[in-house]
Amino acid sequence: MNTQKLMNTALNSLDAIGYRLDQYGITAKVNRHNLAAFIMLEQKHLEGEWDSIQVRLDRRRAQVESLVRPVLNQVNRFRGVAS
């Protein structure tokens, strides 16, 4: 079964479930459009979390470099290596 056919089957099943739930008066919010909106929202949320992690990592890297650089300069000066 190819990917497109599998995806269409899953989306049709989701629509059928949403239709049945709507018939029983439980909810009218289960359909492929709300699923797509939810997935896009979560994707943006995860992108934001990833960016936040990257910023924290870059900040820590800069802090470590600022601590290590003077030590390396001292070592190089002691060894007689031009920096």
PDB file of N, CA and C in Angstrom:
ATOM      1  N   MET A   1       0.854  -1.176   0.000  1.00  0.00           N
ATOM      2  CA  MET A   1       0.000   0.000   0.000  1.00  0.00           C
ATOM      3  C   MET A   1       0.896   1.235   0.000  1.00  0.00           C
ATOM      4  N   ASN A   2       0.670   2.129  -0.937  1.00  0.00           N
ATOM      5  CA  ASN A   2       1.527   3.321  -0.987  1.00  0.00           C
ATOM      6  C   ASN A   2       1.106   4.349   0.063  1.00  0.00           C
ATOM      7  N   THR A   3       1.974   5.308   0.274  1.00  0.00           N
ATOM      8  CA  THR A   3       1.785   6.287   1.348  1.00  0.00           C
ATOM      9  C   THR A   3       0.525   7.124   1.146  1.00  0.00           C
ATOM     10  N   GLN A   4       0.288   7.557  -0.081  1.00  0.00           N
ATOM     11  CA  GLN A   4      -0.878   8.414  -0.351  1.00  0.00           C
ATOM     12  C   GLN A   4      -2.180   7.669  -0.058  1.00  0.00           C
ATOM     13  N   LYS A   5      -2.244   6.410  -0.482  1.00  0.00           N
ATOM     14  CA  LYS A   5      -3.454   5.627  -0.238  1.00  0.00           C
ATOM     15  C   LYS A   5      -3.666   5.403   1.255  1.00  0.00           C
ATOM     16  N   LEU A   6      -2.586   5.117   1.966  1.00  0.00           N
ATOM     17  CA  LEU A   6      -2.662   4.918   3.411  1.00  0.00           C
ATOM     18  C   LEU A   6      -3.117   6.195   4.115  1.00  0.00           C
ATOM     19  N   MET A   7      -2.575   7.340   3.691  1.00  0.00           N
ATOM     20  CA  MET A   7      -2.950   8.611   4.299  1.00  0.00           C
ATOM     21  C   MET A   7      -4.421   8.923   4.023  1.00  0.00           C
ATOM     22  N   ASN A   8      -4.880   8.682   2.798  1.00  0.00           N
ATOM     23  CA  ASN A   8      -6.290   8.925   2.478  1.00  0.00           C
ATOM     24  C   ASN A   8      -7.207   8.023   3.301  1.00  0.00           C
ATOM     25  N   THR A   9      -6.816   6.778   3.483  1.00  0.00           N
ATOM     26  CA  THR A   9      -7.612   5.857   4.306  1.00  0.00           C
ATOM     27  C   THR A   9      -7.702   6.357   5.747  1.00  0.00           C
ATOM     28  N   ALA A  10      -6.556   6.798   6.293  1.00  0.00           N
ATOM     29  CA  ALA A  10      -6.547   7.303   7.667  1.00  0.00           C
ATOM     30  C   ALA A  10      -7.404   8.557   7.794  1.00  0.00           C
ATOM     31  N   LEU A  11      -7.295   9.473   6.832  1.00  0.00           N
ATOM     32  CA  LEU A  11      -8.086  10.704   6.904  1.00  0.00           C
ATOM     33  C   LEU A  11      -9.571  10.421   6.730  1.00  0.00           C
ATOM     34  N   ASN A  12      -9.925   9.506   5.848  1.00  0.00           N
ATOM     35  CA  ASN A  12     -11.341   9.143   5.681  1.00  0.00           C
ATOM     36  C   ASN A  12     -11.887   8.503   6.951  1.00  0.00           C
ATOM     37  N   SER A  13     -11.064   7.683   7.592  1.00  0.00           N
ATOM     38  CA  SER A  13     -11.492   7.072   8.857  1.00  0.00           C
ATOM     39  C   SER A  13     -11.676   8.133   9.933  1.00  0.00           C
ATOM     40  N   LEU A  14     -10.779   9.096   9.975  1.00  0.00           N
ATOM     41  CA  LEU A  14     -10.897  10.189  10.937  1.00  0.00           C
ATOM     42  C   LEU A  14     -12.182  10.979  10.691  1.00  0.00           C
ATOM     43  N   ASP A  15     -12.468  11.257   9.419  1.00  0.00           N
ATOM     44  CA  ASP A  15     -13.714  11.963   9.089  1.00  0.00           C
ATOM     45  C   ASP A  15     -14.932  11.148   9.507  1.00  0.00           C
ATOM     46  N   ALA A  16     -14.878   9.833   9.309  1.00  0.00           N
ATOM     47  CA  ALA A  16     -16.010   8.977   9.685  1.00  0.00           C
ATOM     48  C   ALA A  16     -16.210   8.988  11.195  1.00  0.00           C
ATOM     49  N   ILE A  17     -15.119   8.916  11.938  1.00  0.00           N
ATOM     50  CA  ILE A  17     -15.218   8.975  13.404  1.00  0.00           C
ATOM     51  C   ILE A  17     -15.805  10.317  13.836  1.00  0.00           C
ATOM     52  N   GLY A  18     -15.318  11.387  13.245  1.00  0.00           N
ATOM     53  CA  GLY A  18     -15.840  12.719  13.566  1.00  0.00           C
ATOM     54  C   GLY A  18     -17.315  12.843  13.247  1.00  0.00           C
ATOM     55  N   TYR A  19     -17.736  12.269  12.120  1.00  0.00           N
ATOM     56  CA  TYR A  19     -19.138  12.308  11.719  1.00  0.00           C
ATOM     57  C   TYR A  19     -20.001  11.559  12.741  1.00  0.00           C
ATOM     58  N   ARG A  20     -19.531  10.381  13.158  1.00  0.00           N
ATOM     59  CA  ARG A  20     -20.289   9.592  14.142  1.00  0.00           C
ATOM     60  C   ARG A  20     -20.373  10.323  15.490  1.00  0.00           C
ATOM     61  N   LEU A  21     -19.262  10.886  15.918  1.00  0.00           N
ATOM     62  CA  LEU A  21     -19.286  11.630  17.187  1.00  0.00           C
ATOM     63  C   LEU A  21     -20.239  12.815  17.099  1.00  0.00           C
ATOM     64  N   ASP A  22     -20.255  13.477  15.942  1.00  0.00           N
ATOM     65  CA  ASP A  22     -21.162  14.606  15.745  1.00  0.00           C
ATOM     66  C   ASP A  22     -22.618  14.137  15.771  1.00  0.00           C
ATOM     67  N   GLN A  23     -22.874  12.984  15.176  1.00  0.00           N
ATOM     68  CA  GLN A  23     -24.239  12.441  15.195  1.00  0.00           C
ATOM     69  C   GLN A  23     -24.724  12.166  16.618  1.00  0.00           C
ATOM     70  N   TYR A  24     -23.817  11.697  17.462  1.00  0.00           N
ATOM     71  CA  TYR A  24     -24.174  11.407  18.845  1.00  0.00           C
ATOM     72  C   TYR A  24     -24.141  12.658  19.720  1.00  0.00           C
ATOM     73  N   GLY A  25     -23.777  13.788  19.150  1.00  0.00           N
ATOM     74  CA  GLY A  25     -23.772  15.043  19.887  1.00  0.00           C
ATOM     75  C   GLY A  25     -22.586  15.208  20.823  1.00  0.00           C
ATOM     76  N   ILE A  26     -21.552  14.403  20.629  1.00  0.00           N
ATOM     77  CA  ILE A  26     -20.387  14.477  21.518  1.00  0.00           C
ATOM     78  C   ILE A  26     -19.509  15.658  21.142  1.00  0.00           C
ATOM     79  N   THR A  27     -19.104  15.719  19.880  1.00  0.00           N
ATOM     80  CA  THR A  27     -18.277  16.832  19.429  1.00  0.00           C
ATOM     81  C   THR A  27     -18.320  16.927  17.911  1.00  0.00           C
ATOM     82  N   ALA A  28     -18.117  18.126  17.414  1.00  0.00           N
ATOM     83  CA  ALA A  28     -18.053  18.329  15.970  1.00  0.00           C
ATOM     84  C   ALA A  28     -16.646  18.760  15.569  1.00  0.00           C
ATOM     85  N   LYS A  29     -15.687  18.547  16.447  1.00  0.00           N
ATOM     86  CA  LYS A  29     -14.338  19.061  16.207  1.00  0.00           C
ATOM     87  C   LYS A  29     -13.342  18.010  15.726  1.00  0.00           C
ATOM     88  N   VAL A  30     -13.799  16.795  15.463  1.00  0.00           N
ATOM     89  CA  VAL A  30     -12.889  15.755  15.003  1.00  0.00           C
ATOM     90  C   VAL A  30     -13.026  15.651  13.484  1.00  0.00           C
ATOM     91  N   ASN A  31     -12.071  16.229  12.781  1.00  0.00           N
ATOM     92  CA  ASN A  31     -12.031  16.107  11.325  1.00  0.00           C
ATOM     93  C   ASN A  31     -10.616  16.389  10.833  1.00  0.00           C
ATOM     94  N   ARG A  32     -10.388  16.177   9.556  1.00  0.00           N
ATOM     95  CA  ARG A  32      -9.041  16.322   9.003  1.00  0.00           C
ATOM     96  C   ARG A  32      -8.538  17.761   9.064  1.00  0.00           C
ATOM     97  N   HIS A  33      -9.425  18.726   9.019  1.00  0.00           N
ATOM     98  CA  HIS A  33      -9.000  20.132   9.054  1.00  0.00           C
ATOM     99  C   HIS A  33      -8.468  20.505  10.433  1.00  0.00           C
ATOM    100  N   ASN A  34      -9.174  20.081  11.463  1.00  0.00           N
ATOM    101  CA  ASN A  34      -8.693  20.351  12.824  1.00  0.00           C
ATOM    102  C   ASN A  34      -7.416  19.575  13.125  1.00  0.00           C
ATOM    103  N   LEU A  35      -7.307  18.364  12.592  1.00  0.00           N
ATOM    104  CA  LEU A  35      -6.084  17.590  12.768  1.00  0.00           C
ATOM    105  C   LEU A  35      -4.904  18.303  12.107  1.00  0.00           C
ATOM    106  N   ALA A  36      -5.104  18.803  10.885  1.00  0.00           N
ATOM    107  CA  ALA A  36      -4.032  19.526  10.193  1.00  0.00           C
ATOM    108  C   ALA A  36      -3.649  20.790  10.961  1.00  0.00           C
ATOM    109  N   ALA A  37      -4.629  21.504  11.475  1.00  0.00           N
ATOM    110  CA  ALA A  37      -4.349  22.712  12.252  1.00  0.00           C
ATOM    111  C   ALA A  37      -3.579  22.363  13.520  1.00  0.00           C
ATOM    112  N   PHE A  38      -3.959  21.288  14.188  1.00  0.00           N
ATOM    113  CA  PHE A  38      -3.265  20.859  15.396  1.00  0.00           C
ATOM    114  C   PHE A  38      -1.824  20.480  15.091  1.00  0.00           C
ATOM    115  N   ILE A  39      -1.613  19.746  14.008  1.00  0.00           N
ATOM    116  CA  ILE A  39      -0.258  19.335  13.631  1.00  0.00           C
ATOM    117  C   ILE A  39       0.602  20.557  13.309  1.00  0.00           C
ATOM    118  N   MET A  40       0.057  21.516  12.583  1.00  0.00           N
ATOM    119  CA  MET A  40       0.830  22.721  12.259  1.00  0.00           C
ATOM    120  C   MET A  40       1.152  23.522  13.520  1.00  0.00           C
ATOM    121  N   LEU A  41       0.199  23.607  14.430  1.00  0.00           N
ATOM    122  CA  LEU A  41       0.427  24.313  15.691  1.00  0.00           C
ATOM    123  C   LEU A  41       1.540  23.646  16.490  1.00  0.00           C
ATOM    124  N   GLU A  42       1.479  22.334  16.587  1.00  0.00           N
ATOM    125  CA  GLU A  42       2.510  21.609  17.333  1.00  0.00           C
ATOM    126  C   GLU A  42       3.870  21.715  16.658  1.00  0.00           C
ATOM    127  N   GLN A  43       3.878  21.749  15.334  1.00  0.00           N
ATOM    128  CA  GLN A  43       5.141  21.906  14.613  1.00  0.00           C
ATOM    129  C   GLN A  43       5.781  23.245  14.971  1.00  0.00           C
ATOM    130  N   LYS A  44       4.989  24.298  14.975  1.00  0.00           N
ATOM    131  CA  LYS A  44       5.510  25.623  15.342  1.00  0.00           C
ATOM    132  C   LYS A  44       5.967  25.634  16.799  1.00  0.00           C
ATOM    133  N   HIS A  45       5.221  24.958  17.666  1.00  0.00           N
ATOM    134  CA  HIS A  45       5.596  24.873  19.070  1.00  0.00           C
ATOM    135  C   HIS A  45       6.953  24.184  19.212  1.00  0.00           C
ATOM    136  N   LEU A  46       7.137  23.075  18.515  1.00  0.00           N
ATOM    137  CA  LEU A  46       8.403  22.353  18.579  1.00  0.00           C
ATOM    138  C   LEU A  46       9.550  23.159  17.979  1.00  0.00           C
ATOM    139  N   GLU A  47       9.280  23.898  16.905  1.00  0.00           N
ATOM    140  CA  GLU A  47      10.320  24.768  16.326  1.00  0.00           C
ATOM    141  C   GLU A  47      10.748  25.822  17.342  1.00  0.00           C
ATOM    142  N   GLY A  48       9.791  26.376  18.060  1.00  0.00           N
ATOM    143  CA  GLY A  48      10.109  27.361  19.092  1.00  0.00           C
ATOM    144  C   GLY A  48      10.930  26.757  20.219  1.00  0.00           C
ATOM    145  N   GLU A  49      10.568  25.553  20.638  1.00  0.00           N
ATOM    146  CA  GLU A  49      11.336  24.872  21.684  1.00  0.00           C
ATOM    147  C   GLU A  49      12.759  24.594  21.213  1.00  0.00           C
ATOM    148  N   TRP A  50      12.910  24.160  19.965  1.00  0.00           N
ATOM    149  CA  TRP A  50      14.235  23.878  19.411  1.00  0.00           C
ATOM    150  C   TRP A  50      15.073  25.154  19.374  1.00  0.00           C
ATOM    151  N   ASP A  51      14.474  26.254  18.937  1.00  0.00           N
ATOM    152  CA  ASP A  51      15.195  27.529  18.905  1.00  0.00           C
ATOM    153  C   ASP A  51      15.637  27.945  20.302  1.00  0.00           C
ATOM    154  N   SER A  52      14.778  27.731  21.282  1.00  0.00           N
ATOM    155  CA  SER A  52      15.107  28.063  22.665  1.00  0.00           C
ATOM    156  C   SER A  52      16.292  27.243  23.154  1.00  0.00           C
ATOM    157  N   ILE A  53      16.295  25.964  22.836  1.00  0.00           N
ATOM    158  CA  ILE A  53      17.415  25.098  23.226  1.00  0.00           C
ATOM    159  C   ILE A  53      18.703  25.558  22.548  1.00  0.00           C
ATOM    160  N   GLN A  54      18.620  25.919  21.274  1.00  0.00           N
ATOM    161  CA  GLN A  54      19.800  26.375  20.543  1.00  0.00           C
ATOM    162  C   GLN A  54      20.372  27.657  21.147  1.00  0.00           C
ATOM    163  N   VAL A  55      19.504  28.569  21.544  1.00  0.00           N
ATOM    164  CA  VAL A  55      19.950  29.827  22.154  1.00  0.00           C
ATOM    165  C   VAL A  55      20.642  29.552  23.483  1.00  0.00           C
ATOM    166  N   ARG A  56      20.047  28.680  24.297  1.00  0.00           N
ATOM    167  CA  ARG A  56      20.676  28.351  25.583  1.00  0.00           C
ATOM    168  C   ARG A  56      22.030  27.681  25.386  1.00  0.00           C
ATOM    169  N   LEU A  57      22.117  26.798  24.400  1.00  0.00           N
ATOM    170  CA  LEU A  57      23.379  26.128  24.108  1.00  0.00           C
ATOM    171  C   LEU A  57      24.434  27.122  23.636  1.00  0.00           C
ATOM    172  N   ASP A  58      24.048  28.023  22.752  1.00  0.00           N
ATOM    173  CA  ASP A  58      24.992  29.044  22.266  1.00  0.00           C
ATOM    174  C   ASP A  58      25.463  29.953  23.402  1.00  0.00           C
ATOM    175  N   ARG A  59      24.543  30.301  24.297  1.00  0.00           N
ATOM    176  CA  ARG A  59      24.922  31.150  25.429  1.00  0.00           C
ATOM    177  C   ARG A  59      25.923  30.441  26.337  1.00  0.00           C
ATOM    178  N   ARG A  60      25.665  29.184  26.632  1.00  0.00           N
ATOM    179  CA  ARG A  60      26.596  28.419  27.476  1.00  0.00           C
ATOM    180  C   ARG A  60      27.951  28.254  26.783  1.00  0.00           C
ATOM    181  N   ARG A  61      27.930  28.021  25.475  1.00  0.00           N
ATOM    182  CA  ARG A  61      29.175  27.883  24.728  1.00  0.00           C
ATOM    183  C   ARG A  61      29.997  29.174  24.819  1.00  0.00           C
ATOM    184  N   ALA A  62      29.333  30.306  24.686  1.00  0.00           N
ATOM    185  CA  ALA A  62      30.024  31.592  24.780  1.00  0.00           C
ATOM    186  C   ALA A  62      30.589  31.800  26.184  1.00  0.00           C
ATOM    187  N   GLN A  63      29.835  31.388  27.204  1.00  0.00           N
ATOM    188  CA  GLN A  63      30.330  31.519  28.570  1.00  0.00           C
ATOM    189  C   GLN A  63      31.565  30.656  28.791  1.00  0.00           C
ATOM    190  N   VAL A  64      31.543  29.439  28.309  1.00  0.00           N
ATOM    191  CA  VAL A  64      32.693  28.549  28.466  1.00  0.00           C
ATOM    192  C   VAL A  64      33.896  29.103  27.709  1.00  0.00           C
ATOM    193  N   GLU A  65      33.676  29.586  26.494  1.00  0.00           N
ATOM    194  CA  GLU A  65      34.778  30.146  25.713  1.00  0.00           C
ATOM    195  C   GLU A  65      35.386  31.363  26.414  1.00  0.00           C
ATOM    196  N   SER A  66      34.554  32.183  27.034  1.00  0.00           N
ATOM    197  CA  SER A  66      35.086  33.364  27.728  1.00  0.00           C
ATOM    198  C   SER A  66      35.886  32.968  28.970  1.00  0.00           C
ATOM    199  N   LEU A  67      35.577  31.808  29.551  1.00  0.00           N
ATOM    200  CA  LEU A  67      36.350  31.324  30.694  1.00  0.00           C
ATOM    201  C   LEU A  67      37.642  30.631  30.259  1.00  0.00           C
ATOM    202  N   VAL A  68      37.593  29.927  29.155  1.00  0.00           N
ATOM    203  CA  VAL A  68      38.739  29.149  28.697  1.00  0.00           C
ATOM    204  C   VAL A  68      39.770  30.018  27.982  1.00  0.00           C
ATOM    205  N   ARG A  69      39.318  31.024  27.263  1.00  0.00           N
ATOM    206  CA  ARG A  69      40.235  31.847  26.462  1.00  0.00           C
ATOM    207  C   ARG A  69      41.371  32.465  27.284  1.00  0.00           C
ATOM    208  N   PRO A  70      41.108  33.081  28.437  1.00  0.00           N
ATOM    209  CA  PRO A  70      42.225  33.634  29.226  1.00  0.00           C
ATOM    210  C   PRO A  70      43.205  32.560  29.701  1.00  0.00           C
ATOM    211  N   VAL A  71      42.684  31.403  30.061  1.00  0.00           N
ATOM    212  CA  VAL A  71      43.554  30.320  30.499  1.00  0.00           C
ATOM    213  C   VAL A  71      44.451  29.873  29.346  1.00  0.00           C
ATOM    214  N   LEU A  72      43.900  29.713  28.179  1.00  0.00           N
ATOM    215  CA  LEU A  72      44.703  29.313  27.018  1.00  0.00           C
ATOM    216  C   LEU A  72      45.737  30.384  26.666  1.00  0.00           C
ATOM    217  N   ASN A  73      45.346  31.640  26.789  1.00  0.00           N
ATOM    218  CA  ASN A  73      46.308  32.720  26.520  1.00  0.00           C
ATOM    219  C   ASN A  73      47.480  32.651  27.499  1.00  0.00           C
ATOM    220  N   GLN A  74      47.192  32.372  28.761  1.00  0.00           N
ATOM    221  CA  GLN A  74      48.255  32.240  29.761  1.00  0.00           C
ATOM    222  C   GLN A  74      49.162  31.054  29.435  1.00  0.00           C
ATOM    223  N   VAL A  75      48.562  29.935  29.072  1.00  0.00           N
ATOM    224  CA  VAL A  75      49.345  28.751  28.728  1.00  0.00           C
ATOM    225  C   VAL A  75      50.226  29.039  27.517  1.00  0.00           C
ATOM    226  N   ASN A  76      49.649  29.666  26.507  1.00  0.00           N
ATOM    227  CA  ASN A  76      50.424  29.983  25.310  1.00  0.00           C
ATOM    228  C   ASN A  76      51.546  30.975  25.624  1.00  0.00           C
ATOM    229  N   ARG A  77      51.282  31.946  26.474  1.00  0.00           N
ATOM    230  CA  ARG A  77      52.293  32.909  26.866  1.00  0.00           C
ATOM    231  C   ARG A  77      53.437  32.203  27.615  1.00  0.00           C
ATOM    232  N   PHE A  78      53.058  31.260  28.465  1.00  0.00           N
ATOM    233  CA  PHE A  78      54.055  30.505  29.219  1.00  0.00           C
ATOM    234  C   PHE A  78      54.907  29.652  28.280  1.00  0.00           C
ATOM    235  N   ARG A  79      54.271  29.065  27.264  1.00  0.00           N
ATOM    236  CA  ARG A  79      54.991  28.225  26.313  1.00  0.00           C
ATOM    237  C   ARG A  79      55.751  29.050  25.287  1.00  0.00           C
ATOM    238  N   GLY A  80      55.486  30.332  25.203  1.00  0.00           N
ATOM    239  CA  GLY A  80      56.165  31.196  24.237  1.00  0.00           C
ATOM    240  C   GLY A  80      55.545  31.176  22.860  1.00  0.00           C
ATOM    241  N   VAL A  81      54.289  30.805  22.758  1.00  0.00           N
ATOM    242  CA  VAL A  81      53.577  30.762  21.488  1.00  0.00           C
ATOM    243  C   VAL A  81      52.811  32.052  21.331  1.00  0.00           C
ATOM    244  N   ALA A  82      52.923  32.675  20.144  1.00  0.00           N
ATOM    245  CA  ALA A  82      52.200  33.927  19.891  1.00  0.00           C
ATOM    246  C   ALA A  82      50.728  33.605  19.707  1.00  0.00           C
ATOM    247  N   SER A  83      49.849  34.453  20.290  1.00  0.00           N
ATOM    248  CA  SER A  83      48.417  34.198  20.166  1.00  0.00           C
ATOM    249  C   SER A  83      47.795  35.031  19.087  1.00  0.00           C
TER     250      SER A  83
END
